[in-house]
């Protein structure tokens, strides 16, 4: 049996510094060696049970699965809405910071972190569903080898899928990752939002928006239809319940047309018609994109919004996605556009496209200094050059904006998608 001594590879930290999984005074339990067969019938029973288990029962179920796999104890941590804390599903434990902890390192880098603990080791496994980071799994074992590492990964994959399937109907899971009271307009708006990150091996789209508990007028959407990635960012007029209703109607119209087989011009037209009919006194600006992940051909429509930015080889290509101004979405009567102009450009492998609302660059500090477009793009480029994944790039960026202006005066939303066809 090969056991990894994490202290010899420079990543060992005493678990006491983390305060994560309590270590009893009794000797660690003796488990069968890594070559011991797993009781498949018992594992099957646990997986069947997991399908109907309530979300608050997942911590106990995870420990039973771990025991069946020859592991010790397990803790599930989910990231909070603002991605600052990793919150344990077991309410007896305290949250861990995303910045400055081993658990946070595993979350930020989407990679495994190992630490030694009294009588064993802790394996920090990222919880990822598709392209979306959910949190981390803390797996305690007597010792570490290839088999136990593989079983820990299996456990992380299983519970990532379970959490994703159950959070769609669980108010308990939704409340568990909140650290403040959510305003009513925000509650309505978040009900329409997709996961923060979606994608495939060829393209990934990720988004963030703040203030997390008080947004009203901004929204984003992204969806994959076969080999095509659809993305959209919206900024409606005002900052109240009606503003949130405007973007919600816009997203519903876009999805309805997309799912009916409509092209990009049809999608924009359907939003124009829906808002003109149901909310004739309200409109929103926005950018809608369609990326063919096979060919890299990008189509987009800009409706009175800041132009998308194209980042290539760690620099912004000035004006690459600029276009003639078009009216906002939802204008009725004589102000309604006759037809929307759809633009086209072929991306190169590794290109990133950035969509944002004006609240991002207009955030001001105490001295009135704007965050600004240059600082905005510099943060993106520096994080990308450091090898951060797209979701981590935006997490760092939105926190930099919040640090610049502690109380945002306007919604700030950012959506970033990239194309990497070589990653098949």
Protein backbone atom coordinates (compact mmCIF):
# COMPACT_ATOMS: atom_id res chain seq x y z
CA UNK A 1 0.00 0.00 0.00
CA UNK A 2 1.32 3.44 -0.99
CA UNK A 3 0.51 6.17 1.48
CA UNK A 4 1.01 9.82 0.56
CA UNK A 5 2.76 11.75 3.33
CA UNK A 6 1.45 15.23 2.61
CA UNK A 7 4.09 16.82 4.85
CA UNK A 8 6.78 15.67 2.44
CA UNK A 9 5.18 17.51 -0.49
CA UNK A 10 4.75 20.79 1.33
CA UNK A 11 0.96 20.86 1.65
CA UNK A 12 0.45 19.40 5.10
CA UNK A 13 -1.41 21.53 7.65
CA UNK A 14 -2.65 20.37 11.01
CA UNK A 15 -6.40 20.04 10.94
CA UNK A 16 -6.67 21.92 14.21
CA UNK A 17 -5.84 25.09 12.32
CA UNK A 18 -8.94 24.53 10.21
CA UNK A 19 -11.29 23.39 12.98
CA UNK A 20 -13.26 21.29 10.56
CA UNK A 21 -13.80 17.70 11.56
CA UNK A 22 -13.44 16.83 15.22
CA UNK A 23 -10.92 14.13 16.08
CA UNK A 24 -11.98 11.93 18.96
CA UNK A 25 -9.64 10.85 21.74
CA UNK A 26 -10.11 7.24 20.77
CA UNK A 27 -7.80 5.62 18.19
CA UNK A 28 -8.96 5.89 14.59
CA UNK A 29 -11.10 3.07 13.35
CA UNK A 30 -9.36 0.34 11.43
CA UNK A 31 -10.61 0.03 7.90
CA UNK A 32 -10.02 -2.64 5.36
CA UNK A 33 -7.12 -2.05 3.01
CA UNK A 34 -7.66 -0.33 -0.30
CA UNK A 35 -7.89 -3.64 -2.10
CA UNK A 36 -10.83 -4.77 0.03
CA UNK A 37 -14.04 -5.16 -1.93
CA UNK A 38 -16.80 -2.63 -1.44
CA UNK A 39 -20.14 -4.03 -0.33
CA UNK A 40 -21.96 -3.23 -3.58
CA UNK A 41 -25.39 -4.21 -2.26
CA UNK A 42 -25.04 -1.80 0.65
CA UNK A 43 -23.76 0.92 -1.65
CA UNK A 44 -26.70 0.32 -3.99
CA UNK A 45 -29.12 0.68 -1.07
CA UNK A 46 -27.54 3.97 -0.09
CA UNK A 47 -27.73 5.34 -3.63
CA UNK A 48 -31.39 4.33 -3.88
CA UNK A 49 -32.04 5.95 -0.51
CA UNK A 50 -30.31 9.11 -1.69
CA UNK A 51 -32.92 9.63 -4.41
CA UNK A 52 -35.64 10.29 -1.82
CA UNK A 53 -33.50 11.63 1.03
CA UNK A 54 -34.40 15.12 2.22
CA UNK A 55 -31.64 17.72 1.83
CA UNK A 56 -31.07 18.05 5.59
CA UNK A 57 -30.44 14.29 5.70
CA UNK A 58 -27.50 14.49 3.28
CA UNK A 59 -24.76 14.96 5.94
CA UNK A 60 -25.66 11.68 7.68
CA UNK A 61 -26.09 9.90 4.35
CA UNK A 62 -22.65 11.10 3.23
CA UNK A 63 -21.04 9.59 6.34
CA UNK A 64 -22.74 6.25 5.72
CA UNK A 65 -21.57 6.24 2.11
CA UNK A 66 -18.04 7.08 3.25
CA UNK A 67 -18.04 4.20 5.71
CA UNK A 68 -19.14 1.79 2.98
CA UNK A 69 -16.24 3.01 0.81
CA UNK A 70 -13.65 2.46 3.56
CA UNK A 71 -13.39 6.13 4.47
CA UNK A 72 -13.96 7.78 7.83
CA UNK A 73 -16.13 10.89 8.15
CA UNK A 74 -17.36 13.42 5.60
CA UNK A 75 -18.55 17.01 5.76
CA UNK A 76 -20.35 18.84 2.94
CA UNK A 77 -19.68 22.56 2.51
CA UNK A 78 -21.61 24.80 0.09
CA UNK A 79 -20.43 28.23 -0.99
CA UNK A 80 -22.58 31.21 0.00
CA UNK A 81 -24.21 33.54 -2.53
CA UNK A 82 -21.31 35.98 -2.49
CA UNK A 83 -18.63 33.25 -2.60
CA UNK A 84 -16.92 34.44 0.58
CA UNK A 85 -17.78 31.54 2.88
CA UNK A 86 -18.04 27.77 2.68
CA UNK A 87 -21.03 26.85 4.80
CA UNK A 88 -21.37 23.32 6.22
CA UNK A 89 -24.66 21.51 5.69
CA UNK A 90 -24.22 20.14 9.20
CA UNK A 91 -25.43 23.07 11.28
CA UNK A 92 -23.22 22.05 14.22
CA UNK A 93 -20.11 23.35 12.41
CA UNK A 94 -18.88 26.82 11.53
CA UNK A 95 -18.32 28.24 8.04
CA UNK A 96 -14.83 28.45 6.55
CA UNK A 97 -13.49 31.39 4.52
CA UNK A 98 -13.05 30.92 0.78
CA UNK A 99 -9.92 33.07 1.05
CA UNK A 100 -7.18 31.78 3.32
CA UNK A 101 -8.27 28.21 4.03
CA UNK A 102 -7.43 24.81 2.56
CA UNK A 103 -11.11 24.27 1.85
CA UNK A 104 -11.19 27.59 0.01
CA UNK A 105 -8.08 26.66 -1.95
CA UNK A 106 -9.80 23.50 -3.21
CA UNK A 107 -12.88 25.55 -4.16
CA UNK A 108 -10.97 28.37 -5.84
CA UNK A 109 -8.72 26.13 -7.93
CA UNK A 110 -11.17 23.25 -8.49
CA UNK A 111 -8.48 20.82 -7.39
CA UNK A 112 -7.82 18.51 -4.49
CA UNK A 113 -6.04 19.65 -1.35
CA UNK A 114 -4.71 17.24 1.26
CA UNK A 115 -3.82 17.93 4.89
CA UNK A 116 -2.63 15.65 7.67
CA UNK A 117 -4.76 15.31 10.79
CA UNK A 118 -4.36 13.52 14.10
CA UNK A 119 -4.53 9.85 13.23
CA UNK A 120 -5.21 10.37 9.54
CA UNK A 121 -5.59 12.81 6.66
CA UNK A 122 -8.21 15.19 5.34
CA UNK A 123 -8.91 15.30 1.61
CA UNK A 124 -10.58 18.49 0.42
CA UNK A 125 -12.50 17.67 -2.76
CA UNK A 126 -14.19 20.34 -4.89
CA UNK A 127 -17.92 19.82 -5.38
CA UNK A 128 -18.58 20.58 -9.04
CA UNK A 129 -21.67 19.96 -11.14
CA UNK A 130 -20.77 20.24 -14.80
CA UNK A 131 -18.93 23.56 -14.89
CA UNK A 132 -20.47 25.04 -11.74
CA UNK A 133 -18.62 25.15 -8.42
CA UNK A 134 -20.93 24.22 -5.54
CA UNK A 135 -18.55 23.94 -2.60
CA UNK A 136 -16.19 21.32 -1.18
CA UNK A 137 -16.28 17.90 0.42
CA UNK A 138 -14.05 17.21 3.44
CA UNK A 139 -13.19 13.51 3.55
CA UNK A 140 -11.30 12.08 6.52
CA UNK A 141 -9.42 8.80 6.14
CA UNK A 142 -6.87 6.86 8.19
CA UNK A 143 -4.37 7.07 5.34
CA UNK A 144 -4.34 8.07 1.69
CA UNK A 145 -3.68 5.95 -1.37
CA UNK A 146 -4.88 5.83 -4.95
CA UNK A 147 -7.98 3.79 -4.15
CA UNK A 148 -9.14 6.04 -1.31
CA UNK A 149 -8.48 9.11 -3.41
CA UNK A 150 -10.56 7.67 -6.24
CA UNK A 151 -13.38 6.78 -3.84
CA UNK A 152 -13.29 10.29 -2.39
CA UNK A 153 -13.70 11.70 -5.91
CA UNK A 154 -16.62 9.34 -6.54
CA UNK A 155 -18.26 10.56 -3.35
CA UNK A 156 -17.77 14.19 -4.37
CA UNK A 157 -19.30 13.53 -7.81
CA UNK A 158 -22.27 11.73 -6.28
CA UNK A 159 -23.10 14.45 -3.77
CA UNK A 160 -22.59 17.24 -6.28
CA UNK A 161 -25.32 15.64 -8.39
CA UNK A 162 -27.55 15.07 -5.36
CA UNK A 163 -27.24 18.66 -4.19
CA UNK A 164 -27.94 19.99 -7.67
CA UNK A 165 -31.07 17.85 -8.03
CA UNK A 166 -32.43 18.72 -4.58
CA UNK A 167 -31.73 22.45 -4.41
CA UNK A 168 -34.34 23.05 -7.11
CA UNK A 169 -37.08 22.37 -4.58
CA UNK A 170 -35.41 22.94 -1.21
CA UNK A 171 -35.91 26.24 0.59
CA UNK A 172 -33.66 24.87 3.33
CA UNK A 173 -30.70 24.60 0.96
CA UNK A 174 -31.45 28.06 -0.43
CA UNK A 175 -31.58 29.56 3.05
CA UNK A 176 -28.45 27.70 4.20
CA UNK A 177 -26.19 29.58 1.78
CA UNK A 178 -27.56 33.03 2.64
CA UNK A 179 -25.87 35.33 5.10
CA UNK A 180 -28.34 38.24 4.95
CA UNK A 181 -32.03 38.95 4.41
CA UNK A 182 -33.02 39.01 0.76
CA UNK A 183 -35.25 41.77 -0.59
CA UNK A 184 -38.49 40.81 -2.37
CA UNK A 185 -37.46 42.08 -5.85
CA UNK A 186 -34.24 40.08 -5.54
CA UNK A 187 -36.11 36.95 -4.48
CA UNK A 188 -38.26 37.18 -7.60
CA UNK A 189 -35.32 37.88 -9.86
CA UNK A 190 -33.18 35.05 -8.53
CA UNK A 191 -36.01 32.61 -9.19
CA UNK A 192 -35.43 33.24 -12.90
CA UNK A 193 -31.65 33.13 -12.92
CA UNK A 194 -29.82 30.06 -14.28
CA UNK A 195 -26.78 28.50 -12.55
CA UNK A 196 -23.87 30.91 -12.34
CA UNK A 197 -21.73 28.71 -14.60
CA UNK A 198 -22.71 26.48 -17.53
CA UNK A 199 -20.80 24.96 -20.39
CA UNK A 200 -19.06 22.02 -21.93
CA UNK A 201 -15.57 20.91 -22.86
CA UNK A 202 -15.55 23.48 -25.68
CA UNK A 203 -17.01 26.59 -24.08
CA UNK A 204 -17.89 27.87 -20.63
CA UNK A 205 -20.05 30.80 -19.57
CA UNK A 206 -19.98 32.18 -16.04
CA UNK A 207 -21.61 35.19 -14.39
CA UNK A 208 -21.82 37.14 -11.12
CA UNK A 209 -24.10 39.91 -9.94
CA UNK A 210 -24.20 42.22 -6.94
CA UNK A 211 -25.58 43.40 -4.61
CA UNK A 212 -26.47 39.77 -3.98
CA UNK A 213 -29.43 40.49 -1.70
CA UNK A 214 -30.70 43.74 -3.24
CA UNK A 215 -30.49 43.41 -7.04
CA UNK A 216 -33.51 44.76 -8.89
CA UNK A 217 -32.86 45.59 -12.53
CA UNK A 218 -29.91 43.51 -13.77
CA UNK A 219 -30.05 39.91 -14.94
CA UNK A 220 -28.11 37.37 -16.99
CA UNK A 221 -28.96 34.19 -18.82
CA UNK A 222 -26.95 31.47 -20.51
CA UNK A 223 -27.99 28.18 -22.04
CA UNK A 224 -26.54 25.45 -24.22
CA UNK A 225 -28.58 24.14 -27.17
CA UNK A 226 -26.67 21.22 -28.70
CA UNK A 227 -23.36 22.83 -29.78
CA UNK A 228 -24.56 26.41 -29.44
CA UNK A 229 -24.05 28.63 -26.39
CA UNK A 230 -26.63 31.38 -25.86
CA UNK A 231 -25.77 34.23 -23.49
CA UNK A 232 -27.60 37.40 -22.50
CA UNK A 233 -27.15 40.30 -20.09
CA UNK A 234 -29.91 42.79 -19.27
CA UNK A 235 -30.21 46.10 -17.42
CA UNK A 236 -33.75 47.40 -16.98
CA UNK A 237 -34.73 50.95 -16.12
CA UNK A 238 -35.27 51.69 -12.42
CA UNK A 239 -34.41 49.70 -9.31
CA UNK A 240 -37.66 48.35 -7.92
CA UNK A 241 -40.00 45.40 -8.19
CA UNK A 242 -41.16 46.50 -11.64
CA UNK A 243 -37.55 46.59 -12.83
CA UNK A 244 -37.13 43.00 -11.76
CA UNK A 245 -40.41 42.11 -13.44
CA UNK A 246 -39.16 43.71 -16.67
CA UNK A 247 -36.03 41.56 -16.82
CA UNK A 248 -38.00 38.48 -15.75
CA UNK A 249 -40.45 38.94 -18.63
CA UNK A 250 -37.50 39.52 -20.98
CA UNK A 251 -35.81 36.28 -19.90
CA UNK A 252 -39.05 34.32 -20.18
CA UNK A 253 -39.64 35.62 -23.71
CA UNK A 254 -36.08 34.81 -24.75
CA UNK A 255 -36.25 31.26 -23.41
CA UNK A 256 -39.66 30.66 -24.97
CA UNK A 257 -38.40 31.66 -28.41
CA UNK A 258 -35.08 29.80 -28.06
CA UNK A 259 -36.86 26.62 -27.07
CA UNK A 260 -39.19 27.07 -30.02
CA UNK A 261 -36.23 27.04 -32.41
CA UNK A 262 -35.99 30.78 -33.05
CA UNK A 263 -32.73 32.42 -34.11
CA UNK A 264 -31.07 35.38 -32.43
CA UNK A 265 -33.14 38.00 -34.27
CA UNK A 266 -36.31 36.11 -33.32
CA UNK A 267 -35.26 36.09 -29.66
CA UNK A 268 -34.71 39.85 -29.55
CA UNK A 269 -37.96 40.41 -31.42
CA UNK A 270 -39.90 38.29 -28.95
CA UNK A 271 -38.55 40.33 -26.01
CA UNK A 272 -39.45 43.57 -27.80
CA UNK A 273 -42.99 42.33 -28.33
CA UNK A 274 -43.45 40.92 -24.82
CA UNK A 275 -42.33 44.10 -23.08
CA UNK A 276 -44.28 46.34 -25.45
CA UNK A 277 -47.41 44.29 -24.74
CA UNK A 278 -47.18 43.60 -21.01
CA UNK A 279 -45.00 46.43 -19.71
CA UNK A 280 -45.32 49.16 -22.34
CA UNK A 281 -43.82 51.86 -20.13
CA UNK A 282 -40.69 49.90 -19.32
CA UNK A 283 -37.64 48.87 -21.31
CA UNK A 284 -34.16 47.46 -20.78
CA UNK A 285 -30.80 47.54 -22.48
CA UNK A 286 -28.97 44.34 -23.22
CA UNK A 287 -26.59 42.26 -25.28
CA UNK A 288 -27.58 38.84 -26.64
CA UNK A 289 -24.99 36.44 -28.07
CA UNK A 290 -24.98 33.12 -29.87
CA UNK A 291 -21.71 31.15 -30.10
CA UNK A 292 -21.31 28.07 -32.27
CA UNK A 293 -18.95 25.92 -30.21
CA UNK A 294 -17.99 23.86 -33.28
CA UNK A 295 -16.91 26.72 -35.55
CA UNK A 296 -16.31 29.62 -33.16
CA UNK A 297 -18.71 31.86 -35.08
CA UNK A 298 -20.19 34.48 -32.76
CA UNK A 299 -23.40 36.38 -33.49
CA UNK A 300 -24.57 39.19 -31.26
CA UNK A 301 -27.12 41.98 -30.98
CA UNK A 302 -26.48 45.08 -28.87
CA UNK A 303 -29.59 46.96 -27.76
CA UNK A 304 -28.44 50.25 -26.23
CA UNK A 305 -25.91 48.56 -23.95
CA UNK A 306 -22.15 48.90 -23.32
CA UNK A 307 -20.42 46.92 -26.11
CA UNK A 308 -19.01 43.45 -25.40
CA UNK A 309 -15.26 43.18 -24.95
CA UNK A 310 -13.11 40.61 -26.75
CA UNK A 311 -10.05 39.40 -24.84
CA UNK A 312 -7.37 37.62 -26.84
CA UNK A 313 -3.89 36.60 -25.71
CA UNK A 314 -4.32 38.48 -22.41
CA UNK A 315 -5.29 41.80 -23.96
CA UNK A 316 -8.48 43.57 -24.94
CA UNK A 317 -8.95 44.07 -28.68
CA UNK A 318 -10.23 47.64 -28.79
CA UNK A 319 -13.50 47.99 -30.66
CA UNK A 320 -13.53 44.36 -31.84
CA UNK A 321 -17.20 43.88 -30.90
CA UNK A 322 -18.41 47.46 -31.24
CA UNK A 323 -21.47 48.03 -33.43
CA UNK A 324 -23.82 50.77 -34.53
CA UNK A 325 -26.12 51.74 -31.65
CA UNK A 326 -29.57 50.18 -31.59
CA UNK A 327 -32.53 51.14 -29.37
CA UNK A 328 -33.13 49.45 -26.03
CA UNK A 329 -35.43 46.43 -25.85
CA UNK A 330 -39.15 46.91 -25.33
CA UNK A 331 -39.73 50.31 -26.92
CA UNK A 332 -43.26 50.52 -28.24
CA UNK A 333 -45.04 52.52 -30.92
CA UNK A 334 -43.03 54.81 -33.16
CA UNK A 335 -39.88 54.21 -31.10
CA UNK A 336 -39.91 50.48 -31.84
CA UNK A 337 -37.14 49.39 -34.24
CA UNK A 338 -38.19 47.90 -37.57
CA UNK A 339 -35.57 45.17 -37.40
CA UNK A 340 -32.57 44.32 -35.28
CA UNK A 341 -29.10 44.15 -36.80
CA UNK A 342 -27.24 40.91 -36.00
CA UNK A 343 -23.43 41.12 -36.08
CA UNK A 344 -20.96 38.31 -36.73
CA UNK A 345 -17.33 37.56 -35.93
CA UNK A 346 -15.31 34.34 -35.83
CA UNK A 347 -13.45 33.80 -32.59
CA UNK A 348 -10.02 32.26 -32.22
CA UNK A 349 -9.36 29.39 -29.77
CA UNK A 350 -8.86 30.79 -26.29
CA UNK A 351 -10.84 33.98 -26.92
CA UNK A 352 -12.95 35.34 -24.09
CA UNK A 353 -15.98 37.61 -24.48
CA UNK A 354 -17.00 39.88 -21.62
CA UNK A 355 -20.47 41.35 -21.09
CA UNK A 356 -21.18 43.79 -18.28
CA UNK A 357 -23.63 46.41 -17.01
CA UNK A 358 -22.71 50.03 -16.39
CA UNK A 359 -22.86 49.57 -12.62
CA UNK A 360 -19.55 47.71 -12.87
CA UNK A 361 -17.37 50.49 -14.27
CA UNK A 362 -19.33 53.31 -12.59
CA UNK A 363 -18.84 52.02 -9.04
CA UNK A 364 -17.23 54.87 -7.05
CA UNK A 365 -15.09 54.89 -3.94
CA UNK A 366 -15.39 57.34 -1.03
CA UNK A 367 -13.46 59.95 -3.01
CA UNK A 368 -15.75 59.68 -6.03
CA UNK A 369 -13.22 57.79 -8.18
CA UNK A 370 -14.84 55.35 -10.62
CA UNK A 371 -13.71 51.75 -10.79
CA UNK A 372 -13.38 52.37 -14.52
CA UNK A 373 -13.09 50.25 -17.62
CA UNK A 374 -9.28 50.06 -17.55
CA UNK A 375 -9.19 48.70 -14.01
CA UNK A 376 -12.07 46.37 -14.87
CA UNK A 377 -10.29 44.79 -17.83
CA UNK A 378 -6.93 44.77 -16.02
CA UNK A 379 -8.42 42.65 -13.22
CA UNK A 380 -9.77 40.18 -15.78
CA UNK A 381 -6.47 39.91 -17.65
CA UNK A 382 -4.31 39.57 -14.53
CA UNK A 383 -6.47 36.81 -13.05
CA UNK A 384 -6.65 34.98 -16.36
CA UNK A 385 -2.87 35.21 -16.82
CA UNK A 386 -2.46 33.73 -13.33
CA UNK A 387 -4.30 30.62 -14.52
CA UNK A 388 -7.57 31.21 -12.69
CA UNK A 389 -10.65 29.47 -14.07
CA UNK A 390 -13.33 31.82 -15.54
CA UNK A 391 -15.59 31.54 -12.47
CA UNK A 392 -12.72 32.42 -10.15
CA UNK A 393 -11.75 35.35 -12.38
CA UNK A 394 -15.22 36.84 -11.90
CA UNK A 395 -15.31 36.06 -8.18
CA UNK A 396 -12.11 38.03 -7.67
CA UNK A 397 -13.34 40.84 -9.91
CA UNK A 398 -16.72 41.35 -8.25
CA UNK A 399 -15.04 41.36 -4.83
CA UNK A 400 -12.60 44.00 -6.07
CA UNK A 401 -15.57 46.12 -7.17
CA UNK A 402 -17.27 45.67 -3.79
CA UNK A 403 -14.05 46.60 -2.01
CA UNK A 404 -13.86 49.72 -4.17
CA UNK A 405 -17.45 50.79 -3.40
CA UNK A 406 -18.63 49.03 -0.26
CA UNK A 407 -22.29 49.88 -0.86
CA UNK A 408 -23.13 49.65 -4.56
CA UNK A 409 -25.42 52.40 -5.83
CA UNK A 410 -26.31 50.40 -8.94
CA UNK A 411 -26.53 46.74 -9.84
CA UNK A 412 -23.27 45.29 -11.17
CA UNK A 413 -23.46 42.22 -13.40
CA UNK A 414 -20.69 40.53 -15.37
CA UNK A 415 -20.84 37.58 -17.75
CA UNK A 416 -17.73 35.98 -19.25
CA UNK A 417 -17.63 33.18 -21.81
CA UNK A 418 -14.71 31.59 -23.60
CA UNK A 419 -14.14 29.25 -26.51
CA UNK A 420 -11.54 26.50 -26.34
CA UNK A 421 -12.29 23.86 -29.03
CA UNK A 422 -8.98 22.09 -28.38
CA UNK A 423 -10.31 20.89 -24.99
CA UNK A 424 -12.31 17.96 -26.33
